[in-house]
Amino acid sequence: MNDLKELTSMEMVDTFILENDLAMLYISMPNCSVCHGLLPQVQHLMVHYPKIKLAQLNIENVPQIAGRFSIFTAPVLLIFLDGREYIREARIVHLQLLDEKIKKLYDNVTQ
């Protein structure tokens, strides 16, 4: 399974995005049932995309993330390619549609 890294500062977020060509941030809030229910499903989906590195952060621990990436709700999934945001999904995430978007990006990058 794709390892899930826990990020606890903006410096860690910046480093994670810069060090990984394909990076996904899973941004959540405590006491968010959607956040907690969606994470295992996203982790399962990411098994099919081993080159995408996955990290999670709690918006309460890193509140600056909201301003930096214009986040108004949770959960938010951000996928970066070479440091640039390519995919954004928030709150109600349709996993099949997310999978299609990721597959398209992944296939273009890994070929």
Protein backbone atom coordinates (compact mmCIF):
# COMPACT_ATOMS: atom_id res chain seq x y z
CA MET A 1 0.00 0.00 0.00
CA ASN A 2 1.12 3.54 -0.73
CA ASP A 3 2.78 4.88 2.44
CA LEU A 4 0.99 7.79 4.07
CA LYS A 5 3.30 10.50 5.38
CA GLU A 6 2.04 12.88 8.07
CA LEU A 7 2.96 16.54 7.49
CA THR A 8 2.91 18.97 10.41
CA SER A 9 4.26 22.25 9.01
CA MET A 10 4.25 24.37 5.86
CA GLU A 11 7.95 23.66 5.49
CA MET A 12 7.19 19.93 5.40
CA VAL A 13 4.44 20.54 2.82
CA ASP A 14 6.76 22.59 0.59
CA THR A 15 9.53 19.99 0.86
CA PHE A 16 7.14 17.12 0.15
CA ILE A 17 5.79 18.79 -3.01
CA LEU A 18 9.27 19.73 -4.25
CA GLU A 19 10.89 16.36 -3.55
CA ASN A 20 8.20 14.29 -5.28
CA ASP A 21 7.44 14.61 -8.99
CA LEU A 22 3.94 13.27 -8.32
CA ALA A 23 2.56 14.22 -4.91
CA MET A 24 -0.88 14.05 -3.33
CA LEU A 25 -1.92 16.01 -0.26
CA TYR A 26 -4.90 14.74 1.73
CA ILE A 27 -6.05 17.66 3.87
CA SER A 28 -8.48 16.87 6.66
CA MET A 29 -9.96 18.21 9.88
CA PRO A 30 -10.51 16.45 13.19
CA ASN A 31 -14.06 15.35 13.93
CA CYS A 32 -14.81 15.24 10.18
CA SER A 33 -16.58 11.97 9.45
CA VAL A 34 -16.20 12.44 5.68
CA CYS A 35 -12.45 12.98 6.12
CA HIS A 36 -12.02 9.84 8.21
CA GLY A 37 -14.24 7.71 5.98
CA LEU A 38 -12.67 8.80 2.71
CA LEU A 39 -9.00 8.38 3.66
CA PRO A 40 -8.91 4.54 3.59
CA GLN A 41 -10.69 4.57 0.23
CA VAL A 42 -8.16 7.03 -1.19
CA GLN A 43 -5.29 4.93 0.19
CA HIS A 44 -6.77 1.85 -1.49
CA LEU A 45 -7.13 3.74 -4.79
CA MET A 46 -3.53 4.96 -4.64
CA VAL A 47 -2.24 1.36 -4.60
CA HIS A 48 -2.74 1.48 -8.38
CA TYR A 49 -0.51 4.57 -8.67
CA PRO A 50 2.74 3.75 -6.87
CA LYS A 51 4.65 6.72 -8.28
CA ILE A 52 2.29 9.17 -6.57
CA LYS A 53 3.51 9.88 -3.04
CA LEU A 54 0.74 10.45 -0.50
CA ALA A 55 0.81 12.76 2.51
CA GLN A 56 -1.84 13.79 4.99
CA LEU A 57 -2.16 16.90 7.10
CA ASN A 58 -4.62 18.19 9.62
CA ILE A 59 -5.71 21.73 8.76
CA GLU A 60 -5.89 22.60 12.48
CA ASN A 61 -2.19 21.75 12.87
CA VAL A 62 -1.18 23.69 9.75
CA PRO A 63 -3.75 26.50 9.38
CA GLN A 64 -1.56 28.37 6.87
CA ILE A 65 -2.41 25.69 4.31
CA ALA A 66 -5.91 27.15 3.95
CA GLY A 67 -4.64 30.49 2.70
CA ARG A 68 -1.83 29.02 0.65
CA PHE A 69 -4.08 26.68 -1.36
CA SER A 70 -7.48 28.44 -1.00
CA ILE A 71 -9.05 25.70 1.09
CA PHE A 72 -12.53 26.37 2.46
CA THR A 73 -13.73 22.87 3.39
CA ALA A 74 -12.44 19.39 4.14
CA PRO A 75 -11.41 16.93 3.00
CA VAL A 76 -9.40 18.31 0.11
CA LEU A 77 -7.23 16.22 -2.20
CA LEU A 78 -4.54 18.05 -4.14
CA ILE A 79 -2.36 16.30 -6.71
CA PHE A 80 0.81 18.00 -7.88
CA LEU A 81 3.01 17.26 -10.88
CA ASP A 82 6.46 18.82 -10.72
CA GLY A 83 5.30 21.23 -8.01
CA ARG A 84 2.22 22.41 -9.89
CA GLU A 85 -1.35 21.60 -8.85
CA TYR A 86 -3.12 19.47 -11.46
CA ILE A 87 -6.07 17.87 -9.66
CA ARG A 88 -8.25 19.22 -6.86
CA GLU A 89 -11.18 17.44 -5.25
CA ALA A 90 -13.02 18.65 -2.17
CA ARG A 91 -15.68 17.58 0.32
CA ILE A 92 -17.76 15.05 -1.65
CA VAL A 93 -15.27 13.08 -3.72
CA HIS A 94 -16.53 10.67 -6.35
CA LEU A 95 -13.84 8.02 -6.33
CA GLN A 96 -14.56 6.72 -9.83
CA LEU A 97 -14.21 10.21 -11.32
CA LEU A 98 -11.10 10.84 -9.24
CA ASP A 99 -9.64 7.56 -10.46
CA GLU A 100 -10.29 8.56 -14.09
CA LYS A 101 -8.56 11.92 -13.60
CA ILE A 102 -5.59 10.37 -11.86
CA LYS A 103 -5.27 7.61 -14.46
CA LYS A 104 -5.23 10.14 -17.29
CA LEU A 105 -2.51 12.22 -15.61
CA TYR A 106 -0.55 9.14 -14.48
CA ASP A 107 -0.60 7.51 -17.91
CA ASN A 108 0.62 10.71 -19.57
CA VAL A 109 3.45 11.12 -17.09
CA THR A 110 4.63 7.53 -16.78
CA GLN A 111 4.75 6.64 -20.49
